[in-house]
C-alpha atoms as a PDB file:
ATOM      1  CA  TYR A   1       2.414  10.330  -1.037  1.00  0.00           C
ATOM      2  CA  LEU A   2      -0.178  12.258  -2.932  1.00  0.00           C
ATOM      3  CA  LYS A   3      -3.293  11.003  -4.597  1.00  0.00           C
ATOM      4  CA  GLU A   4      -6.192  12.045  -6.612  1.00  0.00           C
ATOM      5  CA  GLY A   5      -8.271  15.607  -5.159  1.00  0.00           C
ATOM      6  CA  CYS A   6      -5.062  16.664  -3.106  1.00  0.00           C
ATOM      7  CA  ILE A   7      -4.596  20.135  -3.076  1.00  0.00           C
ATOM      8  CA  VAL A   8      -0.465  21.107  -3.347  1.00  0.00           C
ATOM      9  CA  LYS A   9       1.727  24.052  -3.200  1.00  0.00           C
ATOM     10  CA  SER A  10       4.449  23.929  -5.310  1.00  0.00           C
ATOM     11  CA  LEU A  11       7.915  24.518  -4.064  1.00  0.00           C
ATOM     12  CA  LYS A  12      10.401  24.945  -6.737  1.00  0.00           C
ATOM     13  CA  GLY A  13      10.673  26.315 -10.280  1.00  0.00           C
ATOM     14  CA  HIS A  14       8.932  29.261 -11.806  1.00  0.00           C
ATOM     15  CA  ASP A  15       5.584  28.691 -10.415  1.00  0.00           C
ATOM     16  CA  THR A  16       6.760  28.590  -6.702  1.00  0.00           C
ATOM     17  CA  GLY A  17       3.369  29.147  -4.611  1.00  0.00           C
ATOM     18  CA  ARG A  18       1.023  28.327  -6.641  1.00  0.00           C
ATOM     19  CA  ILE A  19      -1.696  26.039  -5.533  1.00  0.00           C
ATOM     20  CA  TYR A  20      -2.813  22.904  -7.890  1.00  0.00           C
ATOM     21  CA  VAL A  21      -5.114  20.132  -7.681  1.00  0.00           C
ATOM     22  CA  VAL A  22      -3.681  16.850  -8.330  1.00  0.00           C
ATOM     23  CA  LEU A  23      -5.536  15.164 -11.063  1.00  0.00           C
ATOM     24  CA  SER A  24      -3.652  11.732 -11.722  1.00  0.00           C
ATOM     25  CA  GLU A  25      -0.646   9.796 -10.799  1.00  0.00           C
ATOM     26  CA  ILE A  26       1.950   9.584 -13.823  1.00  0.00           C
ATOM     27  CA  ASN A  27       4.222   7.099 -11.074  1.00  0.00           C
ATOM     28  CA  GLU A  28       5.748   7.121  -8.012  1.00  0.00           C
ATOM     29  CA  SER A  29       7.616  10.536  -8.588  1.00  0.00           C
ATOM     30  CA  PHE A  30       5.472  12.282 -10.985  1.00  0.00           C
ATOM     31  CA  VAL A  31       1.646  13.501 -11.206  1.00  0.00           C
ATOM     32  CA  LEU A  32      -0.137  15.479 -13.099  1.00  0.00           C
ATOM     33  CA  LEU A  33      -1.646  19.146 -11.952  1.00  0.00           C
ATOM     34  CA  ALA A  34      -4.431  21.681 -12.940  1.00  0.00           C
ATOM     35  CA  ASP A  35      -5.698  25.006 -11.259  1.00  0.00           C
ATOM     36  CA  GLY A  36      -8.214  25.720 -13.928  1.00  0.00           C
ATOM     37  CA  ARG A  37      -6.570  29.311 -14.556  1.00  0.00           C
ATOM     38  CA  TYR A  38      -3.284  28.746 -15.739  1.00  0.00           C
ATOM     39  CA  ARG A  39      -3.156  25.139 -16.489  1.00  0.00           C
ATOM     40  CA  LYS A  40      -6.120  23.863 -17.317  1.00  0.00           C
ATOM     41  CA  LEU A  41      -7.513  20.310 -17.557  1.00  0.00           C
ATOM     42  CA  GLU A  42      -6.816  20.054 -21.714  1.00  0.00           C
ATOM     43  CA  ASN A  43      -3.015  20.910 -20.976  1.00  0.00           C
ATOM     44  CA  PRO A  44      -2.094  19.663 -17.596  1.00  0.00           C
ATOM     45  CA  LYS A  45       1.401  20.309 -15.907  1.00  0.00           C
ATOM     46  CA  GLN A  46       3.457  17.121 -14.916  1.00  0.00           C
ATOM     47  CA  LYS A  47       5.674  17.662 -12.101  1.00  0.00           C
ATOM     48  CA  ARG A  48       7.662  16.113  -9.298  1.00  0.00           C
ATOM     49  CA  VAL A  49       5.878  14.806  -5.965  1.00  0.00           C
ATOM     50  CA  LYS A  50       9.448  16.316  -3.828  1.00  0.00           C
ATOM     51  CA  HIS A  51       9.039  19.480  -5.271  1.00  0.00           C
ATOM     52  CA  LEU A  52       5.213  20.080  -3.615  1.00  0.00           C
ATOM     53  CA  GLU A  53       3.536  20.288  -0.437  1.00  0.00           C
ATOM     54  CA  LEU A  54       0.423  18.734   0.598  1.00  0.00           C
ATOM     55  CA  ILE A  55      -2.204  21.480   1.781  1.00  0.00           C
ATOM     56  CA  ALA A  56      -5.380  19.793   2.146  1.00  0.00           C
ATOM     57  CA  GLU A  57      -7.010  16.467   0.807  1.00  0.00           C
ATOM     58  CA  ALA A  58     -10.358  16.730  -1.579  1.00  0.00           C
ATOM     59  CA  VAL A  59     -12.342  14.592  -3.369  1.00  0.00           C
ATOM     60  CA  LEU A  60     -12.734  15.280  -7.273  1.00  0.00           C
ATOM     61  CA  PRO A  61     -15.944  16.457  -8.081  1.00  0.00           C
ATOM     62  CA  GLU A  62     -18.008  14.024 -10.429  1.00  0.00           C
ATOM     63  CA  MET A  63     -18.321  17.265 -13.515  1.00  0.00           C
ATOM     64  CA  LEU A  64     -14.904  18.091 -13.037  1.00  0.00           C
ATOM     65  CA  THR A  65     -14.233  21.590 -15.044  1.00  0.00           C
ATOM     66  CA  ASP A  66     -11.773  24.359 -14.949  1.00  0.00           C
ATOM     67  CA  SER A  67     -14.292  26.553 -12.905  1.00  0.00           C
ATOM     68  CA  ALA A  68     -14.232  23.482 -10.256  1.00  0.00           C
ATOM     69  CA  LEU A  69     -10.843  23.197 -10.057  1.00  0.00           C
ATOM     70  CA  ARG A  70     -10.095  27.402  -9.506  1.00  0.00           C
ATOM     71  CA  LYS A  71     -12.909  26.636  -6.576  1.00  0.00           C
ATOM     72  CA  MET A  72     -11.035  24.178  -5.010  1.00  0.00           C
ATOM     73  CA  CYS A  73      -7.290  26.132  -5.321  1.00  0.00           C
ATOM     74  CA  LYS A  74      -9.268  29.018  -3.609  1.00  0.00           C
ATOM     75  CA  LEU A  75      -8.983  27.279  -0.499  1.00  0.00           C
END
């Protein structure tokens, strides 16, 4: 189960291996993702939960920016 702030890795699709931060949950099957570089806050990616691997759990900062997302995805 993925919640806001989780850091995940894409397992399927053209973005395989890319690291994202979960911004929100759409329903039990889909979440919105962004990484601050390829997918910015203004244009998050919708992806199936079953195509993601949980890497770490984190807390989203109060002031969420693309720069903050890039730092979270660096690990």
